[in-house]
C-alpha atoms as a PDB file:
ATOM      1  CA  MET A   1       0.139   0.104   0.074  1.00  0.00           C
ATOM      2  CA  ALA A   2       1.150   3.491  -0.776  1.00  0.00           C
ATOM      3  CA  GLU A   3       2.041   5.500   2.293  1.00  0.00           C
ATOM      4  CA  GLU A   4       0.031   8.202   4.093  1.00  0.00           C
ATOM      5  CA  GLY A   5       1.150  11.517   2.486  1.00  0.00           C
ATOM      6  CA  LEU A   6       1.677  10.127  -0.956  1.00  0.00           C
ATOM      7  CA  MET A   7      -0.428  12.250  -2.795  1.00  0.00           C
ATOM      8  CA  PHE A   8      -0.872  16.198  -3.148  1.00  0.00           C
ATOM      9  CA  ASP A   9      -4.661  16.205  -2.596  1.00  0.00           C
ATOM     10  CA  ARG A  10      -4.310  17.285   0.813  1.00  0.00           C
ATOM     11  CA  PHE A  11      -1.497  18.895   3.057  1.00  0.00           C
ATOM     12  CA  ASP A  12       0.305  16.486   5.233  1.00  0.00           C
ATOM     13  CA  ASN A  13       3.628  18.361   6.118  1.00  0.00           C
ATOM     14  CA  ARG A  14       6.107  20.713   4.675  1.00  0.00           C
ATOM     15  CA  VAL A  15       9.988  20.823   5.840  1.00  0.00           C
ATOM     16  CA  THR A  16      11.938  23.886   4.815  1.00  0.00           C
ATOM     17  CA  PHE A  17      15.829  24.191   4.928  1.00  0.00           C
ATOM     18  CA  SER A  18      17.193  27.799   4.810  1.00  0.00           C
ATOM     19  CA  GLY A  19      20.775  28.480   4.758  1.00  0.00           C
ATOM     20  CA  THR A  20      23.927  29.762   2.924  1.00  0.00           C
ATOM     21  CA  LEU A  21      25.933  27.896   0.331  1.00  0.00           C
ATOM     22  CA  THR A  22      29.464  29.239   0.114  1.00  0.00           C
ATOM     23  CA  THR A  23      32.057  28.259  -2.468  1.00  0.00           C
ATOM     24  CA  LEU A  24      35.109  26.555  -1.091  1.00  0.00           C
ATOM     25  CA  THR A  25      36.937  26.864  -4.553  1.00  0.00           C
ATOM     26  CA  ALA A  26      36.007  28.593  -7.631  1.00  0.00           C
ATOM     27  CA  MET A  27      32.792  27.234  -9.278  1.00  0.00           C
ATOM     28  CA  ARG A  28      31.461  27.330 -12.926  1.00  0.00           C
ATOM     29  CA  ILE A  29      27.968  26.862 -13.968  1.00  0.00           C
ATOM     30  CA  GLY A  30      28.213  27.758 -17.661  1.00  0.00           C
ATOM     31  CA  ALA A  31      25.878  29.603 -19.955  1.00  0.00           C
ATOM     32  CA  GLY A  32      27.248  28.017 -23.109  1.00  0.00           C
ATOM     33  CA  ARG A  33      29.566  29.650 -25.566  1.00  0.00           C
ATOM     34  CA  ALA A  34      29.466  33.427 -25.788  1.00  0.00           C
ATOM     35  CA  THR A  35      28.485  35.064 -29.005  1.00  0.00           C
ATOM     36  CA  GLY A  36      29.599  38.617 -28.292  1.00  0.00           C
ATOM     37  CA  VAL A  37      32.761  40.168 -29.984  1.00  0.00           C
ATOM     38  CA  THR A  38      34.587  40.728 -26.564  1.00  0.00           C
ATOM     39  CA  GLY A  39      34.349  38.914 -23.328  1.00  0.00           C
ATOM     40  CA  THR A  40      35.128  35.549 -22.256  1.00  0.00           C
ATOM     41  CA  ASP A  41      34.660  32.615 -24.348  1.00  0.00           C
ATOM     42  CA  LEU A  42      32.666  30.650 -21.653  1.00  0.00           C
ATOM     43  CA  PRO A  43      30.796  32.780 -19.276  1.00  0.00           C
ATOM     44  CA  VAL A  44      28.713  31.856 -16.287  1.00  0.00           C
ATOM     45  CA  VAL A  45      25.157  31.785 -15.861  1.00  0.00           C
ATOM     46  CA  ARG A  46      23.750  35.225 -14.834  1.00  0.00           C
ATOM     47  CA  ASP A  47      20.220  36.691 -13.821  1.00  0.00           C
ATOM     48  CA  VAL A  48      18.871  39.493 -15.137  1.00  0.00           C
ATOM     49  CA  LEU A  49      20.802  41.988 -12.965  1.00  0.00           C
ATOM     50  CA  GLY A  50      23.964  40.341 -14.356  1.00  0.00           C
ATOM     51  CA  CYS A  51      24.783  38.457 -10.906  1.00  0.00           C
ATOM     52  CA  PRO A  52      25.697  34.912 -11.074  1.00  0.00           C
ATOM     53  CA  TYR A  53      23.481  32.365  -9.519  1.00  0.00           C
ATOM     54  CA  ILE A  54      22.988  28.531  -9.133  1.00  0.00           C
ATOM     55  CA  PRO A  55      19.895  27.252 -11.047  1.00  0.00           C
ATOM     56  CA  GLY A  56      17.754  25.002  -8.530  1.00  0.00           C
ATOM     57  CA  SER A  57      17.749  22.383 -11.426  1.00  0.00           C
ATOM     58  CA  SER A  58      21.442  22.067 -11.093  1.00  0.00           C
ATOM     59  CA  PHE A  59      21.584  21.574  -7.356  1.00  0.00           C
ATOM     60  CA  LYS A  60      18.437  19.351  -7.366  1.00  0.00           C
ATOM     61  CA  GLY A  61      20.286  17.072 -10.068  1.00  0.00           C
ATOM     62  CA  ALA A  62      23.373  16.829  -8.119  1.00  0.00           C
ATOM     63  CA  LEU A  63      21.435  15.991  -5.108  1.00  0.00           C
ATOM     64  CA  ARG A  64      19.642  13.198  -6.860  1.00  0.00           C
ATOM     65  CA  SER A  65      22.841  11.945  -8.211  1.00  0.00           C
ATOM     66  CA  GLN A  66      24.176  11.654  -4.752  1.00  0.00           C
ATOM     67  CA  VAL A  67      20.926   9.946  -3.547  1.00  0.00           C
ATOM     68  CA  GLU A  68      21.153   7.333  -6.471  1.00  0.00           C
ATOM     69  CA  SER A  69      24.723   6.583  -5.784  1.00  0.00           C
ATOM     70  CA  ILE A  70      23.997   6.008  -2.038  1.00  0.00           C
ATOM     71  CA  MET A  71      20.785   3.989  -2.368  1.00  0.00           C
ATOM     72  CA  ARG A  72      22.355   1.637  -5.269  1.00  0.00           C
ATOM     73  CA  THR A  73      25.090   0.833  -2.635  1.00  0.00           C
ATOM     74  CA  LEU A  74      22.983   0.423   0.453  1.00  0.00           C
ATOM     75  CA  SER A  75      19.690  -1.303  -1.288  1.00  0.00           C
ATOM     76  CA  ALA A  76      19.071  -3.208  -4.306  1.00  0.00           C
ATOM     77  CA  ARG A  77      15.835  -1.676  -5.064  1.00  0.00           C
ATOM     78  CA  GLY A  78      16.944   1.752  -3.665  1.00  0.00           C
ATOM     79  CA  ALA A  79      17.287   3.382  -7.077  1.00  0.00           C
ATOM     80  CA  CYS A  80      16.401   2.565 -10.692  1.00  0.00           C
ATOM     81  CA  ASP A  81      18.124   3.844 -13.685  1.00  0.00           C
ATOM     82  CA  PRO A  82      15.207   6.503 -14.923  1.00  0.00           C
ATOM     83  CA  LEU A  83      16.953   6.758 -18.294  1.00  0.00           C
ATOM     84  CA  SER A  84      17.474   3.134 -19.305  1.00  0.00           C
ATOM     85  CA  ASP A  85      15.288   1.038 -16.775  1.00  0.00           C
ATOM     86  CA  PRO A  86      12.900   3.214 -14.941  1.00  0.00           C
ATOM     87  CA  CYS A  87      10.564   1.906 -12.077  1.00  0.00           C
ATOM     88  CA  VAL A  88       7.603   2.053 -14.138  1.00  0.00           C
ATOM     89  CA  SER A  89       8.012   1.882 -17.886  1.00  0.00           C
ATOM     90  CA  ALA A  90       5.725   3.506 -20.447  1.00  0.00           C
ATOM     91  CA  ASP A  91       4.561   0.206 -21.475  1.00  0.00           C
ATOM     92  CA  GLN A  92       3.699  -0.363 -17.927  1.00  0.00           C
ATOM     93  CA  MET A  93       1.774   2.806 -17.442  1.00  0.00           C
ATOM     94  CA  LYS A  94      -0.110   2.358 -20.578  1.00  0.00           C
ATOM     95  CA  LYS A  95      -1.292  -1.155 -19.396  1.00  0.00           C
ATOM     96  CA  TRP A  96      -2.361   0.189 -16.203  1.00  0.00           C
ATOM     97  CA  GLN A  97      -4.167   3.106 -17.954  1.00  0.00           C
ATOM     98  CA  GLN A  98      -6.172   0.589 -19.736  1.00  0.00           C
ATOM     99  CA  GLU A  99      -7.024  -1.383 -16.895  1.00  0.00           C
ATOM    100  CA  ARG A 100      -8.121   1.768 -15.007  1.00  0.00           C
ATOM    101  CA  ARG A 101     -10.634   2.442 -17.923  1.00  0.00           C
ATOM    102  CA  ALA A 102     -11.756  -1.201 -17.951  1.00  0.00           C
ATOM    103  CA  ASP A 103     -11.936  -1.669 -14.271  1.00  0.00           C
ATOM    104  CA  GLY A 104     -13.068   1.864 -13.132  1.00  0.00           C
ATOM    105  CA  ILE A 105     -10.212   2.397 -10.744  1.00  0.00           C
ATOM    106  CA  SER A 106      -9.843   6.056  -9.433  1.00  0.00           C
ATOM    107  CA  ASP A 107      -7.038   8.267 -10.346  1.00  0.00           C
ATOM    108  CA  LYS A 108      -5.877   7.828  -6.795  1.00  0.00           C
ATOM    109  CA  GLN A 109      -5.672   4.189  -6.928  1.00  0.00           C
ATOM    110  CA  LEU A 110      -3.569   4.468 -10.178  1.00  0.00           C
ATOM    111  CA  ALA A 111      -1.159   6.792  -8.433  1.00  0.00           C
ATOM    112  CA  GLY A 112      -0.932   4.370  -5.531  1.00  0.00           C
ATOM    113  CA  ARG A 113       0.076   1.407  -8.080  1.00  0.00           C
ATOM    114  CA  VAL A 114       2.783   3.957  -9.426  1.00  0.00           C
ATOM    115  CA  TYR A 115       3.992   4.865  -5.986  1.00  0.00           C
ATOM    116  CA  ASP A 116       4.068   1.260  -4.751  1.00  0.00           C
ATOM    117  CA  ALA A 117       6.173   0.310  -7.903  1.00  0.00           C
ATOM    118  CA  SER A 118       8.575   3.083  -7.525  1.00  0.00           C
ATOM    119  CA  CYS A 119      11.854   3.183  -5.898  1.00  0.00           C
ATOM    120  CA  ASP A 120      12.853   5.423  -3.042  1.00  0.00           C
ATOM    121  CA  VAL A 121      14.655   8.021  -5.160  1.00  0.00           C
ATOM    122  CA  CYS A 122      11.667   8.322  -7.361  1.00  0.00           C
ATOM    123  CA  ARG A 123       9.422   8.632  -4.550  1.00  0.00           C
ATOM    124  CA  VAL A 124      11.246  11.788  -3.234  1.00  0.00           C
ATOM    125  CA  PHE A 125      12.773  13.444  -6.455  1.00  0.00           C
ATOM    126  CA  GLY A 126       9.888  12.255  -8.672  1.00  0.00           C
ATOM    127  CA  SER A 127       9.675  10.699 -12.177  1.00  0.00           C
ATOM    128  CA  ASN A 128       7.519  10.718 -15.231  1.00  0.00           C
ATOM    129  CA  TRP A 129       4.728   9.592 -13.649  1.00  0.00           C
ATOM    130  CA  LEU A 130       5.203  11.065  -9.899  1.00  0.00           C
ATOM    131  CA  ALA A 131       5.691  14.717  -8.852  1.00  0.00           C
ATOM    132  CA  SER A 132       8.630  15.363  -6.978  1.00  0.00           C
ATOM    133  CA  LYS A 133       8.185  16.315  -3.297  1.00  0.00           C
ATOM    134  CA  VAL A 134      11.649  18.311  -3.170  1.00  0.00           C
ATOM    135  CA  SER A 135      11.587  21.970  -4.395  1.00  0.00           C
ATOM    136  CA  LEU A 136      14.731  23.985  -4.871  1.00  0.00           C
ATOM    137  CA  ARG A 137      14.676  27.679  -5.617  1.00  0.00           C
ATOM    138  CA  ASP A 138      17.392  29.229  -7.803  1.00  0.00           C
ATOM    139  CA  LEU A 139      20.253  30.000  -5.465  1.00  0.00           C
ATOM    140  CA  ARG A 140      20.862  33.779  -5.628  1.00  0.00           C
ATOM    141  CA  VAL A 141      24.074  35.526  -4.692  1.00  0.00           C
ATOM    142  CA  LYS A 142      23.779  37.327  -1.368  1.00  0.00           C
ATOM    143  CA  LYS A 143      23.175  40.927  -1.957  1.00  0.00           C
ATOM    144  CA  GLY A 144      25.668  43.401  -0.423  1.00  0.00           C
ATOM    145  CA  ILE A 145      28.658  41.133  -0.990  1.00  0.00           C
ATOM    146  CA  TRP A 146      28.786  40.742  -4.592  1.00  0.00           C
ATOM    147  CA  PHE A 147      30.657  43.317  -6.740  1.00  0.00           C
ATOM    148  CA  ASP A 148      31.315  41.758 -10.011  1.00  0.00           C
ATOM    149  CA  GLN A 149      34.265  39.706  -8.834  1.00  0.00           C
ATOM    150  CA  TYR A 150      34.464  37.256 -11.751  1.00  0.00           C
ATOM    151  CA  GLN A 151      37.587  35.559 -12.612  1.00  0.00           C
ATOM    152  CA  ILE A 152      38.881  34.538 -16.067  1.00  0.00           C
ATOM    153  CA  ARG A 153      41.076  31.356 -16.399  1.00  0.00           C
ATOM    154  CA  ASN A 154      42.707  29.992 -19.437  1.00  0.00           C
ATOM    155  CA  GLY A 155      42.607  26.508 -20.953  1.00  0.00           C
ATOM    156  CA  VAL A 156      43.890  24.760 -23.929  1.00  0.00           C
ATOM    157  CA  ALA A 157      42.515  21.866 -26.009  1.00  0.00           C
ATOM    158  CA  ILE A 158      44.482  18.822 -25.979  1.00  0.00           C
ATOM    159  CA  ASP A 159      45.472  16.841 -28.944  1.00  0.00           C
ATOM    160  CA  ARG A 160      44.186  13.255 -28.219  1.00  0.00           C
ATOM    161  CA  ASP A 161      46.589  11.566 -30.466  1.00  0.00           C
ATOM    162  CA  THR A 162      49.888  13.252 -29.014  1.00  0.00           C
ATOM    163  CA  GLY A 163      48.301  14.247 -25.479  1.00  0.00           C
ATOM    164  CA  THR A 164      49.949  17.650 -25.935  1.00  0.00           C
ATOM    165  CA  ALA A 165      48.535  21.092 -26.262  1.00  0.00           C
ATOM    166  CA  ALA A 166      46.669  21.715 -29.671  1.00  0.00           C
ATOM    167  CA  GLU A 167      47.986  24.312 -31.726  1.00  0.00           C
ATOM    168  CA  LYS A 168      45.756  27.677 -32.058  1.00  0.00           C
ATOM    169  CA  LYS A 169      43.192  25.916 -29.529  1.00  0.00           C
ATOM    170  CA  LEU A 170      43.620  28.527 -26.604  1.00  0.00           C
ATOM    171  CA  TYR A 171      40.537  29.491 -24.804  1.00  0.00           C
ATOM    172  CA  ASP A 172      39.304  31.237 -21.632  1.00  0.00           C
ATOM    173  CA  PHE A 173      36.231  30.462 -19.193  1.00  0.00           C
ATOM    174  CA  GLU A 174      34.684  32.523 -16.359  1.00  0.00           C
ATOM    175  CA  VAL A 175      34.524  31.411 -12.881  1.00  0.00           C
ATOM    176  CA  VAL A 176      32.866  32.653  -9.866  1.00  0.00           C
ATOM    177  CA  PRO A 177      35.601  33.148  -7.012  1.00  0.00           C
ATOM    178  CA  ALA A 178      35.895  31.014  -3.816  1.00  0.00           C
ATOM    179  CA  ALA A 179      34.095  32.476  -0.819  1.00  0.00           C
ATOM    180  CA  THR A 180      31.081  33.622  -2.734  1.00  0.00           C
ATOM    181  CA  GLU A 181      27.788  33.077  -0.793  1.00  0.00           C
ATOM    182  CA  PHE A 182      24.543  32.088  -2.247  1.00  0.00           C
ATOM    183  CA  GLU A 183      21.420  32.085  -0.470  1.00  0.00           C
ATOM    184  CA  CYS A 184      19.834  28.459  -0.317  1.00  0.00           C
ATOM    185  CA  GLU A 185      16.328  27.253   0.351  1.00  0.00           C
ATOM    186  CA  ILE A 186      14.834  23.570   0.028  1.00  0.00           C
ATOM    187  CA  VAL A 187      11.026  22.963   0.553  1.00  0.00           C
ATOM    188  CA  VAL A 188      10.031  19.232   0.950  1.00  0.00           C
ATOM    189  CA  GLU A 189       6.272  18.400   0.940  1.00  0.00           C
ATOM    190  CA  ASN A 190       4.237  15.588   2.170  1.00  0.00           C
ATOM    191  CA  ALA A 191       7.575  13.401   2.966  1.00  0.00           C
ATOM    192  CA  SER A 192       7.614  10.749   5.340  1.00  0.00           C
ATOM    193  CA  ASP A 193      10.430  10.539   8.041  1.00  0.00           C
ATOM    194  CA  PRO A 194      12.274   7.851   6.047  1.00  0.00           C
ATOM    195  CA  GLU A 195      11.985   9.882   2.997  1.00  0.00           C
ATOM    196  CA  LEU A 196      13.466  12.967   4.927  1.00  0.00           C
ATOM    197  CA  GLY A 197      16.204  10.613   5.946  1.00  0.00           C
ATOM    198  CA  LEU A 198      16.957  10.093   2.547  1.00  0.00           C
ATOM    199  CA  LEU A 199      17.485  13.475   1.813  1.00  0.00           C
ATOM    200  CA  ALA A 200      19.250  14.141   4.752  1.00  0.00           C
ATOM    201  CA  LEU A 201      21.936  11.420   3.670  1.00  0.00           C
ATOM    202  CA  ALA A 202      22.073  13.211   0.257  1.00  0.00           C
ATOM    203  CA  LEU A 203      22.792  16.604   2.237  1.00  0.00           C
ATOM    204  CA  ARG A 204      25.498  15.638   4.364  1.00  0.00           C
ATOM    205  CA  PRO A 205      28.344  15.738   1.762  1.00  0.00           C
ATOM    206  CA  PHE A 206      27.326  19.349   1.056  1.00  0.00           C
ATOM    207  CA  GLU A 207      27.153  20.119   4.911  1.00  0.00           C
ATOM    208  CA  ARG A 208      30.682  18.911   5.442  1.00  0.00           C
ATOM    209  CA  GLY A 209      32.277  20.755   2.451  1.00  0.00           C
ATOM    210  CA  GLU A 210      32.651  17.854   0.459  1.00  0.00           C
ATOM    211  CA  GLY A 211      29.890  18.396  -2.210  1.00  0.00           C
ATOM    212  CA  THR A 212      30.497  19.643  -5.690  1.00  0.00           C
ATOM    213  CA  LEU A 213      28.444  21.622  -8.061  1.00  0.00           C
ATOM    214  CA  GLY A 214      29.023  22.872 -11.781  1.00  0.00           C
ATOM    215  CA  GLY A 215      31.679  22.006 -14.530  1.00  0.00           C
ATOM    216  CA  ALA A 216      35.414  21.592 -14.478  1.00  0.00           C
ATOM    217  CA  ARG A 217      35.358  19.525 -11.178  1.00  0.00           C
ATOM    218  CA  SER A 218      38.267  17.681 -12.455  1.00  0.00           C
ATOM    219  CA  ARG A 219      40.168  20.755 -12.354  1.00  0.00           C
ATOM    220  CA  GLY A 220      39.150  21.460  -8.650  1.00  0.00           C
ATOM    221  CA  LEU A 221      36.375  23.635  -9.349  1.00  0.00           C
ATOM    222  CA  GLY A 222      32.898  23.535  -7.647  1.00  0.00           C
ATOM    223  CA  VAL A 223      33.595  22.676  -4.070  1.00  0.00           C
ATOM    224  CA  VAL A 224      30.793  23.899  -1.873  1.00  0.00           C
ATOM    225  CA  LYS A 225      29.568  23.834   1.807  1.00  0.00           C
ATOM    226  CA  ILE A 226      26.135  24.546   3.194  1.00  0.00           C
ATOM    227  CA  ALA A 227      25.474  26.081   6.712  1.00  0.00           C
ATOM    228  CA  TRP A 228      21.756  26.011   7.502  1.00  0.00           C
ATOM    229  CA  HIS A 229      20.478  28.970   9.393  1.00  0.00           C
ATOM    230  CA  LYS A 230      16.892  27.652   9.812  1.00  0.00           C
ATOM    231  CA  ARG A 231      15.165  24.431   9.452  1.00  0.00           C
ATOM    232  CA  THR A 232      11.347  24.334   9.991  1.00  0.00           C
ATOM    233  CA  ARG A 233       8.393  22.062   9.959  1.00  0.00           C
ATOM    234  CA  VAL A 234       4.494  22.578   9.711  1.00  0.00           C
ATOM    235  CA  THR A 235       2.210  19.739   9.898  1.00  0.00           C
ATOM    236  CA  SER A 236      -1.391  19.316   9.154  1.00  0.00           C
ATOM    237  CA  ALA A 237      -2.293  19.731  12.798  1.00  0.00           C
ATOM    238  CA  ASP A 238      -0.338  23.215  12.790  1.00  0.00           C
ATOM    239  CA  LEU A 239      -1.472  24.348   9.523  1.00  0.00           C
ATOM    240  CA  PHE A 240      -4.580  26.535  10.400  1.00  0.00           C
ATOM    241  CA  ASP A 241      -2.671  28.616  13.131  1.00  0.00           C
ATOM    242  CA  PHE A 242       0.111  28.891  10.803  1.00  0.00           C
ATOM    243  CA  LEU A 243      -1.892  30.206   7.832  1.00  0.00           C
ATOM    244  CA  ALA A 244      -3.619  32.538  10.433  1.00  0.00           C
ATOM    245  CA  GLY A 245      -0.570  34.042  11.595  1.00  0.00           C
ATOM    246  CA  GLU A 246      -1.263  32.580  15.204  1.00  0.00           C
ATOM    247  CA  GLY A 247       1.637  30.075  15.213  1.00  0.00           C
ATOM    248  CA  ASP A 248       4.981  29.724  13.608  1.00  0.00           C
ATOM    249  CA  ALA A 249       6.615  26.614  11.966  1.00  0.00           C
ATOM    250  CA  LYS A 250       8.410  24.341  14.571  1.00  0.00           C
ATOM    251  CA  GLU A 251      12.189  24.238  14.624  1.00  0.00           C
ATOM    252  CA  ILE A 252      13.953  21.121  13.429  1.00  0.00           C
ATOM    253  CA  GLY A 253      16.724  20.048  15.637  1.00  0.00           C
ATOM    254  CA  ASP A 254      19.473  17.539  15.390  1.00  0.00           C
ATOM    255  CA  ALA A 255      17.509  15.080  17.220  1.00  0.00           C
ATOM    256  CA  ASP A 256      14.604  15.181  14.484  1.00  0.00           C
ATOM    257  CA  VAL A 257      17.343  14.526  11.952  1.00  0.00           C
ATOM    258  CA  LYS A 258      18.518  11.515  13.633  1.00  0.00           C
ATOM    259  CA  ASP A 259      15.027  10.226  13.816  1.00  0.00           C
ATOM    260  CA  TRP A 260      14.779  10.753  10.048  1.00  0.00           C
ATOM    261  CA  LEU A 261      18.118   8.802   9.586  1.00  0.00           C
ATOM    262  CA  LYS A 262      16.772   5.962  12.038  1.00  0.00           C
ATOM    263  CA  GLY A 263      13.530   5.641   9.954  1.00  0.00           C
ATOM    264  CA  MET A 264      15.552   5.293   6.735  1.00  0.00           C
ATOM    265  CA  ARG A 265      18.043   2.934   8.202  1.00  0.00           C
ATOM    266  CA  ASP A 266      14.853   0.743   9.559  1.00  0.00           C
ATOM    267  CA  ARG A 267      13.318   0.774   6.001  1.00  0.00           C
ATOM    268  CA  LEU A 268      16.724  -0.281   4.452  1.00  0.00           C
ATOM    269  CA  ASN A 269      16.824  -3.029   6.747  1.00  0.00           C
ATOM    270  CA  ALA A 270      13.235  -3.955   6.326  1.00  0.00           C
ATOM    271  CA  ASN A 271      13.902  -4.139   2.416  1.00  0.00           C
ATOM    272  CA  SER A 272      16.890  -6.280   2.783  1.00  0.00           C
ATOM    273  CA  ASN A 273      14.865  -8.675   5.071  1.00  0.00           C
ATOM    274  CA  VAL A 274      12.275  -9.165   2.493  1.00  0.00           C
ATOM    275  CA  LYS A 275      15.014  -9.607  -0.204  1.00  0.00           C
ATOM    276  CA  GLU A 276      16.558 -12.437   1.843  1.00  0.00           C
ATOM    277  CA  ASP A 277      13.310 -14.221   2.386  1.00  0.00           C
ATOM    278  CA  SER A 278      12.445 -13.889  -1.091  1.00  0.00           C
ATOM    279  CA  ASP A 279      15.975 -15.519  -2.050  1.00  0.00           C
ATOM    280  CA  ALA A 280      15.500 -18.169   0.504  1.00  0.00           C
ATOM    281  CA  LYS A 281      11.997 -19.121  -0.811  1.00  0.00           C
ATOM    282  CA  GLY A 282      13.531 -19.157  -4.393  1.00  0.00           C
ATOM    283  CA  GLU A 283      16.304 -21.805  -3.369  1.00  0.00           C
ATOM    284  CA  SER A 284      13.957 -23.785  -1.417  1.00  0.00           C
ATOM    285  CA  ASN A 285      11.611 -24.155  -4.598  1.00  0.00           C
ATOM    286  CA  ALA A 286      14.636 -24.862  -6.943  1.00  0.00           C
END
């Protein structure tokens, strides 16, 4: 059965992480090749005011990649390959939709089937058939500390046959310098404690200053660190008071995060026991 809080037809809870992402090394999130006559060959992305920013989709993609790597290590069913072997294929979805029309099952029941068949990563970060529970706003550079401190670095194309610098292939590229600070906010809706534990696992490298974002990471670029200033949670029980302005969102402490991680550990152990039981039955029937 799909877990309570699976759907978005009702409000179950909302968790918000607010903090600062600081670049420990120079970082580059490219905007493609420049078309102007002057300037760098490869500029970084800028907002309408000309300031650098980190697209929320870039950070979310890095988080998902981190989660998939973790879950494929910890659990056989922890993460599908959404490109080549998704949890729910287009053919399977088409079959279920045909059954829905024939048997008259509701949209919610169909969504429950999709949820039950989906891996832990797809349940949290979404898939072709599931909405993501995680939202990341674009990370804007902190106002008052940014004064166009872009840096230009040189590069040269390498001849693949000789392994040396290719002639007339010098180029330059733009980076945002180390110690640049960006405002970071992550919002998670209707997630269970184990699912929040999964997100907490993915965030740990960034909290420790080990996470990376952007391109040219093999050159040492893109190492970042996050420091949370505020972590809050609103549940359905608190919703009216919160919306009416009569109550604040509850602060999330380290003990709450430990409970999330414990919930994820228990889920992994349960899935491992189910797999072992299934393997044992298969051997006994052989």
